[in-house]
């Protein structure tokens, strides 16, 4: 059996691979390592007076992102996987 190079896969390819090969713990760990290396976006701090509104706006934006990206024309570029 040959070694699989997870580093050569895009985020989308790696995610698709480990979803098809759920028993491959190395693939799952490679994906987790990759997404944990991404910078985290801070929406609001707990003491922010507008905390609830900012969190709700961020949730709405995240929920609407798949809809808006599916309505955009296909540019031939692979979308980045932000999950």
PDB file of N, CA and C in Angstrom:
ATOM      1  N   UNK A   1       0.844  -1.187   0.000  1.00  0.00           N
ATOM      2  CA  UNK A   1       0.000   0.000   0.000  1.00  0.00           C
ATOM      3  C   UNK A   1       0.884   1.244   0.000  1.00  0.00           C
ATOM      4  N   UNK A   2       0.589   2.187  -0.871  1.00  0.00           N
ATOM      5  CA  UNK A   2       1.409   3.386  -0.973  1.00  0.00           C
ATOM      6  C   UNK A   2       0.959   4.431   0.050  1.00  0.00           C
ATOM      7  N   UNK A   3       1.895   5.278   0.425  1.00  0.00           N
ATOM      8  CA  UNK A   3       1.600   6.364   1.352  1.00  0.00           C
ATOM      9  C   UNK A   3       0.846   7.458   0.607  1.00  0.00           C
ATOM     10  N   UNK A   4      -0.128   8.037   1.255  1.00  0.00           N
ATOM     11  CA  UNK A   4      -0.911   9.117   0.658  1.00  0.00           C
ATOM     12  C   UNK A   4      -0.352  10.440   1.151  1.00  0.00           C
ATOM     13  N   UNK A   5      -0.131  11.363   0.225  1.00  0.00           N
ATOM     14  CA  UNK A   5       0.420  12.667   0.579  1.00  0.00           C
ATOM     15  C   UNK A   5      -0.735  13.644   0.804  1.00  0.00           C
ATOM     16  N   UNK A   6      -1.121  13.806   2.056  1.00  0.00           N
ATOM     17  CA  UNK A   6      -2.228  14.693   2.390  1.00  0.00           C
ATOM     18  C   UNK A   6      -1.872  16.148   2.136  1.00  0.00           C
ATOM     19  N   UNK A   7      -0.583  16.483   2.253  1.00  0.00           N
ATOM     20  CA  UNK A   7      -0.158  17.868   2.049  1.00  0.00           C
ATOM     21  C   UNK A   7      -0.365  18.328   0.610  1.00  0.00           C
ATOM     22  N   UNK A   8      -0.375  17.397  -0.332  1.00  0.00           N
ATOM     23  CA  UNK A   8      -0.556  17.782  -1.727  1.00  0.00           C
ATOM     24  C   UNK A   8      -2.023  17.998  -2.082  1.00  0.00           C
ATOM     25  N   UNK A   9      -2.931  17.629  -1.168  1.00  0.00           N
ATOM     26  CA  UNK A   9      -4.365  17.794  -1.410  1.00  0.00           C
ATOM     27  C   UNK A   9      -4.819  19.180  -0.981  1.00  0.00           C
ATOM     28  N   UNK A  10      -5.800  19.711  -1.708  1.00  0.00           N
ATOM     29  CA  UNK A  10      -6.427  20.954  -1.266  1.00  0.00           C
ATOM     30  C   UNK A  10      -7.288  20.651  -0.044  1.00  0.00           C
ATOM     31  N   UNK A  11      -7.772  21.674   0.614  1.00  0.00           N
ATOM     32  CA  UNK A  11      -8.646  21.464   1.773  1.00  0.00           C
ATOM     33  C   UNK A  11      -9.883  20.669   1.374  1.00  0.00           C
ATOM     34  N   UNK A  12     -10.467  21.021   0.237  1.00  0.00           N
ATOM     35  CA  UNK A  12     -11.678  20.345  -0.227  1.00  0.00           C
ATOM     36  C   UNK A  12     -11.379  18.885  -0.555  1.00  0.00           C
ATOM     37  N   UNK A  13     -10.268  18.645  -1.249  1.00  0.00           N
ATOM     38  CA  UNK A  13      -9.893  17.272  -1.598  1.00  0.00           C
ATOM     39  C   UNK A  13      -9.645  16.428  -0.352  1.00  0.00           C
ATOM     40  N   UNK A  14      -8.947  16.994   0.622  1.00  0.00           N
ATOM     41  CA  UNK A  14      -8.659  16.258   1.848  1.00  0.00           C
ATOM     42  C   UNK A  14      -9.941  15.945   2.610  1.00  0.00           C
ATOM     43  N   UNK A  15     -10.837  16.910   2.675  1.00  0.00           N
ATOM     44  CA  UNK A  15     -12.106  16.680   3.356  1.00  0.00           C
ATOM     45  C   UNK A  15     -12.900  15.581   2.646  1.00  0.00           C
ATOM     46  N   UNK A  16     -12.972  15.647   1.341  1.00  0.00           N
ATOM     47  CA  UNK A  16     -13.690  14.616   0.578  1.00  0.00           C
ATOM     48  C   UNK A  16     -13.039  13.251   0.778  1.00  0.00           C
ATOM     49  N   UNK A  17     -11.706  13.228   0.806  1.00  0.00           N
ATOM     50  CA  UNK A  17     -10.994  11.958   0.985  1.00  0.00           C
ATOM     51  C   UNK A  17     -11.335  11.332   2.337  1.00  0.00           C
ATOM     52  N   UNK A  18     -11.231  12.121   3.421  1.00  0.00           N
ATOM     53  CA  UNK A  18     -11.470  11.477   4.715  1.00  0.00           C
ATOM     54  C   UNK A  18     -12.938  11.150   4.929  1.00  0.00           C
ATOM     55  N   UNK A  19     -13.846  11.856   4.246  1.00  0.00           N
ATOM     56  CA  UNK A  19     -15.255  11.475   4.339  1.00  0.00           C
ATOM     57  C   UNK A  19     -15.520  10.150   3.623  1.00  0.00           C
ATOM     58  N   UNK A  20     -14.772   9.873   2.557  1.00  0.00           N
ATOM     59  CA  UNK A  20     -14.913   8.606   1.846  1.00  0.00           C
ATOM     60  C   UNK A  20     -14.147   7.474   2.532  1.00  0.00           C
ATOM     61  N   UNK A  21     -13.109   7.826   3.288  1.00  0.00           N
ATOM     62  CA  UNK A  21     -12.267   6.836   3.953  1.00  0.00           C
ATOM     63  C   UNK A  21     -12.273   7.115   5.457  1.00  0.00           C
ATOM     64  N   UNK A  22     -13.435   6.957   6.059  1.00  0.00           N
ATOM     65  CA  UNK A  22     -13.626   7.324   7.455  1.00  0.00           C
ATOM     66  C   UNK A  22     -12.729   6.565   8.424  1.00  0.00           C
ATOM     67  N   UNK A  23     -12.217   5.445   8.012  1.00  0.00           N
ATOM     68  CA  UNK A  23     -11.324   4.682   8.876  1.00  0.00           C
ATOM     69  C   UNK A  23      -9.889   5.189   8.851  1.00  0.00           C
ATOM     70  N   UNK A  24      -9.583   6.106   7.945  1.00  0.00           N
ATOM     71  CA  UNK A  24      -8.219   6.630   7.815  1.00  0.00           C
ATOM     72  C   UNK A  24      -8.005   7.751   8.837  1.00  0.00           C
ATOM     73  N   UNK A  25      -7.526   7.356   9.998  1.00  0.00           N
ATOM     74  CA  UNK A  25      -7.325   8.317  11.086  1.00  0.00           C
ATOM     75  C   UNK A  25      -6.259   9.349  10.740  1.00  0.00           C
ATOM     76  N   UNK A  26      -5.265   8.967   9.947  1.00  0.00           N
ATOM     77  CA  UNK A  26      -4.210   9.908   9.560  1.00  0.00           C
ATOM     78  C   UNK A  26      -4.781  11.033   8.698  1.00  0.00           C
ATOM     79  N   UNK A  27      -5.715  10.693   7.807  1.00  0.00           N
ATOM     80  CA  UNK A  27      -6.344  11.714   6.961  1.00  0.00           C
ATOM     81  C   UNK A  27      -7.171  12.670   7.818  1.00  0.00           C
ATOM     82  N   UNK A  28      -7.918  12.106   8.749  1.00  0.00           N
ATOM     83  CA  UNK A  28      -8.730  12.938   9.639  1.00  0.00           C
ATOM     84  C   UNK A  28      -7.843  13.858  10.468  1.00  0.00           C
ATOM     85  N   UNK A  29      -6.750  13.331  11.001  1.00  0.00           N
ATOM     86  CA  UNK A  29      -5.840  14.142  11.805  1.00  0.00           C
ATOM     87  C   UNK A  29      -5.181  15.225  10.956  1.00  0.00           C
ATOM     88  N   UNK A  30      -4.821  14.888   9.716  1.00  0.00           N
ATOM     89  CA  UNK A  30      -4.222  15.881   8.819  1.00  0.00           C
ATOM     90  C   UNK A  30      -5.192  17.027   8.561  1.00  0.00           C
ATOM     91  N   UNK A  31      -6.475  16.698   8.384  1.00  0.00           N
ATOM     92  CA  UNK A  31      -7.479  17.740   8.153  1.00  0.00           C
ATOM     93  C   UNK A  31      -7.660  18.602   9.402  1.00  0.00           C
ATOM     94  N   UNK A  32      -7.751  17.962  10.564  1.00  0.00           N
ATOM     95  CA  UNK A  32      -7.891  18.728  11.809  1.00  0.00           C
ATOM     96  C   UNK A  32      -6.687  19.633  12.031  1.00  0.00           C
ATOM     97  N   UNK A  33      -5.487  19.115  11.788  1.00  0.00           N
ATOM     98  CA  UNK A  33      -4.278  19.933  11.949  1.00  0.00           C
ATOM     99  C   UNK A  33      -4.320  21.136  11.025  1.00  0.00           C
ATOM    100  N   UNK A  34      -4.777  20.904   9.798  1.00  0.00           N
ATOM    101  CA  UNK A  34      -4.824  21.985   8.818  1.00  0.00           C
ATOM    102  C   UNK A  34      -5.816  23.071   9.232  1.00  0.00           C
ATOM    103  N   UNK A  35      -7.014  22.681   9.648  1.00  0.00           N
ATOM    104  CA  UNK A  35      -7.991  23.714   9.993  1.00  0.00           C
ATOM    105  C   UNK A  35      -7.645  24.393  11.315  1.00  0.00           C
ATOM    106  N   UNK A  36      -6.947  23.708  12.203  1.00  0.00           N
ATOM    107  CA  UNK A  36      -6.552  24.337  13.458  1.00  0.00           C
ATOM    108  C   UNK A  36      -5.403  25.322  13.289  1.00  0.00           C
ATOM    109  N   UNK A  37      -4.707  25.282  12.160  1.00  0.00           N
ATOM    110  CA  UNK A  37      -3.620  26.221  11.888  1.00  0.00           C
ATOM    111  C   UNK A  37      -4.136  27.541  11.320  1.00  0.00           C
ATOM    112  N   UNK A  38      -5.384  27.563  10.912  1.00  0.00           N
ATOM    113  CA  UNK A  38      -5.963  28.788  10.352  1.00  0.00           C
ATOM    114  C   UNK A  38      -6.122  29.842  11.438  1.00  0.00           C
ATOM    115  N   UNK A  39      -5.944  31.093  11.076  1.00  0.00           N
ATOM    116  CA  UNK A  39      -6.183  32.148  12.061  1.00  0.00           C
ATOM    117  C   UNK A  39      -7.662  32.195  12.434  1.00  0.00           C
ATOM    118  N   UNK A  40      -7.906  32.427  13.669  1.00  0.00           N
ATOM    119  CA  UNK A  40      -9.292  32.482  14.158  1.00  0.00           C
ATOM    120  C   UNK A  40      -9.789  33.922  14.122  1.00  0.00           C
ATOM    121  N   UNK A  41     -11.010  34.069  13.676  1.00  0.00           N
ATOM    122  CA  UNK A  41     -11.626  35.388  13.603  1.00  0.00           C
ATOM    123  C   UNK A  41     -12.388  35.640  14.898  1.00  0.00           C
ATOM    124  N   UNK A  42     -12.057  36.695  15.587  1.00  0.00           N
ATOM    125  CA  UNK A  42     -12.744  37.041  16.828  1.00  0.00           C
ATOM    126  C   UNK A  42     -13.898  37.975  16.486  1.00  0.00           C
ATOM    127  N   UNK A  43     -15.097  37.544  16.835  1.00  0.00           N
ATOM    128  CA  UNK A  43     -16.305  38.297  16.507  1.00  0.00           C
ATOM    129  C   UNK A  43     -16.526  39.394  17.538  1.00  0.00           C
ATOM    130  N   UNK A  44     -16.434  39.047  18.802  1.00  0.00           N
ATOM    131  CA  UNK A  44     -16.659  40.013  19.885  1.00  0.00           C
ATOM    132  C   UNK A  44     -16.071  39.442  21.172  1.00  0.00           C
ATOM    133  N   UNK A  45     -15.657  40.316  22.051  1.00  0.00           N
ATOM    134  CA  UNK A  45     -15.177  39.863  23.361  1.00  0.00           C
ATOM    135  C   UNK A  45     -16.371  39.783  24.313  1.00  0.00           C
ATOM    136  N   UNK A  46     -16.273  38.954  25.348  1.00  0.00           N
ATOM    137  CA  UNK A  46     -17.406  38.772  26.267  1.00  0.00           C
ATOM    138  C   UNK A  46     -17.901  40.066  26.931  1.00  0.00           C
ATOM    139  N   UNK A  47     -17.013  41.027  27.118  1.00  0.00           N
ATOM    140  CA  UNK A  47     -17.431  42.263  27.779  1.00  0.00           C
ATOM    141  C   UNK A  47     -17.905  43.337  26.799  1.00  0.00           C
ATOM    142  N   UNK A  48     -18.008  43.000  25.525  1.00  0.00           N
ATOM    143  CA  UNK A  48     -18.481  43.925  24.500  1.00  0.00           C
ATOM    144  C   UNK A  48     -19.969  44.190  24.719  1.00  0.00           C
ATOM    145  N   UNK A  49     -20.395  45.449  24.789  1.00  0.00           N
ATOM    146  CA  UNK A  49     -21.817  45.741  25.010  1.00  0.00           C
ATOM    147  C   UNK A  49     -22.712  45.273  23.850  1.00  0.00           C
ATOM    148  N   UNK A  50     -22.152  45.124  22.658  1.00  0.00           N
ATOM    149  CA  UNK A  50     -22.920  44.661  21.497  1.00  0.00           C
ATOM    150  C   UNK A  50     -22.652  43.193  21.192  1.00  0.00           C
ATOM    151  N   UNK A  51     -22.262  42.429  22.209  1.00  0.00           N
ATOM    152  CA  UNK A  51     -21.879  41.024  22.031  1.00  0.00           C
ATOM    153  C   UNK A  51     -22.951  40.224  21.299  1.00  0.00           C
ATOM    154  N   UNK A  52     -24.185  40.254  21.804  1.00  0.00           N
ATOM    155  CA  UNK A  52     -25.261  39.450  21.213  1.00  0.00           C
ATOM    156  C   UNK A  52     -25.498  39.804  19.745  1.00  0.00           C
ATOM    157  N   UNK A  53     -25.530  41.084  19.444  1.00  0.00           N
ATOM    158  CA  UNK A  53     -25.787  41.510  18.068  1.00  0.00           C
ATOM    159  C   UNK A  53     -24.651  41.074  17.137  1.00  0.00           C
ATOM    160  N   UNK A  54     -23.417  41.197  17.604  1.00  0.00           N
ATOM    161  CA  UNK A  54     -22.274  40.817  16.768  1.00  0.00           C
ATOM    162  C   UNK A  54     -22.236  39.312  16.520  1.00  0.00           C
ATOM    163  N   UNK A  55     -22.543  38.534  17.539  1.00  0.00           N
ATOM    164  CA  UNK A  55     -22.559  37.079  17.381  1.00  0.00           C
ATOM    165  C   UNK A  55     -23.675  36.664  16.433  1.00  0.00           C
ATOM    166  N   UNK A  56     -24.842  37.245  16.594  1.00  0.00           N
ATOM    167  CA  UNK A  56     -25.957  36.917  15.707  1.00  0.00           C
ATOM    168  C   UNK A  56     -25.646  37.318  14.257  1.00  0.00           C
ATOM    169  N   UNK A  57     -24.999  38.454  14.066  1.00  0.00           N
ATOM    170  CA  UNK A  57     -24.631  38.891  12.715  1.00  0.00           C
ATOM    171  C   UNK A  57     -23.612  37.927  12.100  1.00  0.00           C
ATOM    172  N   UNK A  58     -22.656  37.465  12.900  1.00  0.00           N
ATOM    173  CA  UNK A  58     -21.662  36.516  12.398  1.00  0.00           C
ATOM    174  C   UNK A  58     -22.310  35.188  12.023  1.00  0.00           C
ATOM    175  N   UNK A  59     -23.275  34.746  12.812  1.00  0.00           N
ATOM    176  CA  UNK A  59     -23.990  33.501  12.508  1.00  0.00           C
ATOM    177  C   UNK A  59     -24.786  33.654  11.224  1.00  0.00           C
ATOM    178  N   UNK A  60     -25.486  34.784  11.077  1.00  0.00           N
ATOM    179  CA  UNK A  60     -26.250  35.027   9.847  1.00  0.00           C
ATOM    180  C   UNK A  60     -25.327  35.036   8.625  1.00  0.00           C
ATOM    181  N   UNK A  61     -24.187  35.694   8.770  1.00  0.00           N
ATOM    182  CA  UNK A  61     -23.234  35.772   7.665  1.00  0.00           C
ATOM    183  C   UNK A  61     -22.731  34.378   7.287  1.00  0.00           C
ATOM    184  N   UNK A  62     -22.445  33.558   8.269  1.00  0.00           N
ATOM    185  CA  UNK A  62     -21.967  32.201   8.006  1.00  0.00           C
ATOM    186  C   UNK A  62     -23.050  31.364   7.333  1.00  0.00           C
ATOM    187  N   UNK A  63     -24.290  31.515   7.771  1.00  0.00           N
ATOM    188  CA  UNK A  63     -25.393  30.755   7.186  1.00  0.00           C
ATOM    189  C   UNK A  63     -25.705  31.204   5.764  1.00  0.00           C
ATOM    190  N   UNK A  64     -25.533  32.485   5.469  1.00  0.00           N
ATOM    191  CA  UNK A  64     -25.839  33.011   4.150  1.00  0.00           C
ATOM    192  C   UNK A  64     -24.700  32.790   3.159  1.00  0.00           C
ATOM    193  N   UNK A  65     -23.504  32.519   3.624  1.00  0.00           N
ATOM    194  CA  UNK A  65     -22.352  32.358   2.734  1.00  0.00           C
ATOM    195  C   UNK A  65     -22.550  31.252   1.707  1.00  0.00           C
ATOM    196  N   UNK A  66     -23.050  30.069   2.079  1.00  0.00           N
ATOM    197  CA  UNK A  66     -23.242  29.031   1.046  1.00  0.00           C
ATOM    198  C   UNK A  66     -24.241  29.444  -0.025  1.00  0.00           C
ATOM    199  N   UNK A  67     -25.283  30.161   0.354  1.00  0.00           N
ATOM    200  CA  UNK A  67     -26.281  30.610  -0.618  1.00  0.00           C
ATOM    201  C   UNK A  67     -25.680  31.601  -1.602  1.00  0.00           C
ATOM    202  N   UNK A  68     -24.959  32.576  -1.100  1.00  0.00           N
ATOM    203  CA  UNK A  68     -24.420  33.605  -1.982  1.00  0.00           C
ATOM    204  C   UNK A  68     -23.329  33.043  -2.877  1.00  0.00           C
ATOM    205  N   UNK A  69     -22.542  32.082  -2.389  1.00  0.00           N
ATOM    206  CA  UNK A  69     -21.490  31.517  -3.236  1.00  0.00           C
ATOM    207  C   UNK A  69     -22.070  30.639  -4.324  1.00  0.00           C
ATOM    208  N   UNK A  70     -23.230  30.017  -4.076  1.00  0.00           N
ATOM    209  CA  UNK A  70     -23.835  29.181  -5.107  1.00  0.00           C
ATOM    210  C   UNK A  70     -24.498  30.019  -6.186  1.00  0.00           C
ATOM    211  N   UNK A  71     -24.751  31.290  -5.915  1.00  0.00           N
ATOM    212  CA  UNK A  71     -25.394  32.159  -6.888  1.00  0.00           C
ATOM    213  C   UNK A  71     -24.374  32.901  -7.744  1.00  0.00           C
ATOM    214  N   UNK A  72     -23.098  32.824  -7.380  1.00  0.00           N
ATOM    215  CA  UNK A  72     -22.080  33.517  -8.136  1.00  0.00           C
ATOM    216  C   UNK A  72     -21.675  32.682  -9.340  1.00  0.00           C
ATOM    217  N   UNK A  73     -21.222  33.327 -10.410  1.00  0.00           N
ATOM    218  CA  UNK A  73     -20.814  32.576 -11.598  1.00  0.00           C
ATOM    219  C   UNK A  73     -19.591  31.711 -11.306  1.00  0.00           C
ATOM    220  N   UNK A  74     -19.482  30.618 -12.034  1.00  0.00           N
ATOM    221  CA  UNK A  74     -18.364  29.708 -11.871  1.00  0.00           C
ATOM    222  C   UNK A  74     -17.142  30.316 -12.539  1.00  0.00           C
ATOM    223  N   UNK A  75     -16.088  30.572 -11.777  1.00  0.00           N
ATOM    224  CA  UNK A  75     -14.878  31.182 -12.314  1.00  0.00           C
ATOM    225  C   UNK A  75     -13.835  30.147 -12.671  1.00  0.00           C
ATOM    226  N   UNK A  76     -14.131  28.874 -12.375  1.00  0.00           N
ATOM    227  CA  UNK A  76     -13.159  27.834 -12.635  1.00  0.00           C
ATOM    228  C   UNK A  76     -12.181  27.643 -11.500  1.00  0.00           C
ATOM    229  N   UNK A  77     -12.277  28.492 -10.497  1.00  0.00           N
ATOM    230  CA  UNK A  77     -11.400  28.378  -9.346  1.00  0.00           C
ATOM    231  C   UNK A  77     -12.109  27.576  -8.265  1.00  0.00           C
ATOM    232  N   UNK A  78     -11.345  26.763  -7.556  1.00  0.00           N
ATOM    233  CA  UNK A  78     -11.911  25.963  -6.485  1.00  0.00           C
ATOM    234  C   UNK A  78     -12.172  26.848  -5.282  1.00  0.00           C
ATOM    235  N   UNK A  79     -13.357  26.792  -4.677  1.00  0.00           N
ATOM    236  CA  UNK A  79     -13.622  27.621  -3.502  1.00  0.00           C
ATOM    237  C   UNK A  79     -12.803  27.145  -2.318  1.00  0.00           C
ATOM    238  N   UNK A  80     -12.452  28.061  -1.444  1.00  0.00           N
ATOM    239  CA  UNK A  80     -11.737  27.667  -0.234  1.00  0.00           C
ATOM    240  C   UNK A  80     -12.725  27.086   0.746  1.00  0.00           C
ATOM    241  N   UNK A  81     -12.293  26.123   1.507  1.00  0.00           N
ATOM    242  CA  UNK A  81     -13.147  25.446   2.472  1.00  0.00           C
ATOM    243  C   UNK A  81     -12.932  26.102   3.830  1.00  0.00           C
ATOM    244  N   UNK A  82     -13.910  26.786   4.340  1.00  0.00           N
ATOM    245  CA  UNK A  82     -13.802  27.508   5.601  1.00  0.00           C
ATOM    246  C   UNK A  82     -14.407  26.781   6.775  1.00  0.00           C
ATOM    247  N   UNK A  83     -14.770  25.543   6.686  1.00  0.00           N
ATOM    248  CA  UNK A  83     -15.403  24.810   7.773  1.00  0.00           C
ATOM    249  C   UNK A  83     -14.411  24.361   8.778  1.00  0.00           C
TER     250      UNK A  83
END
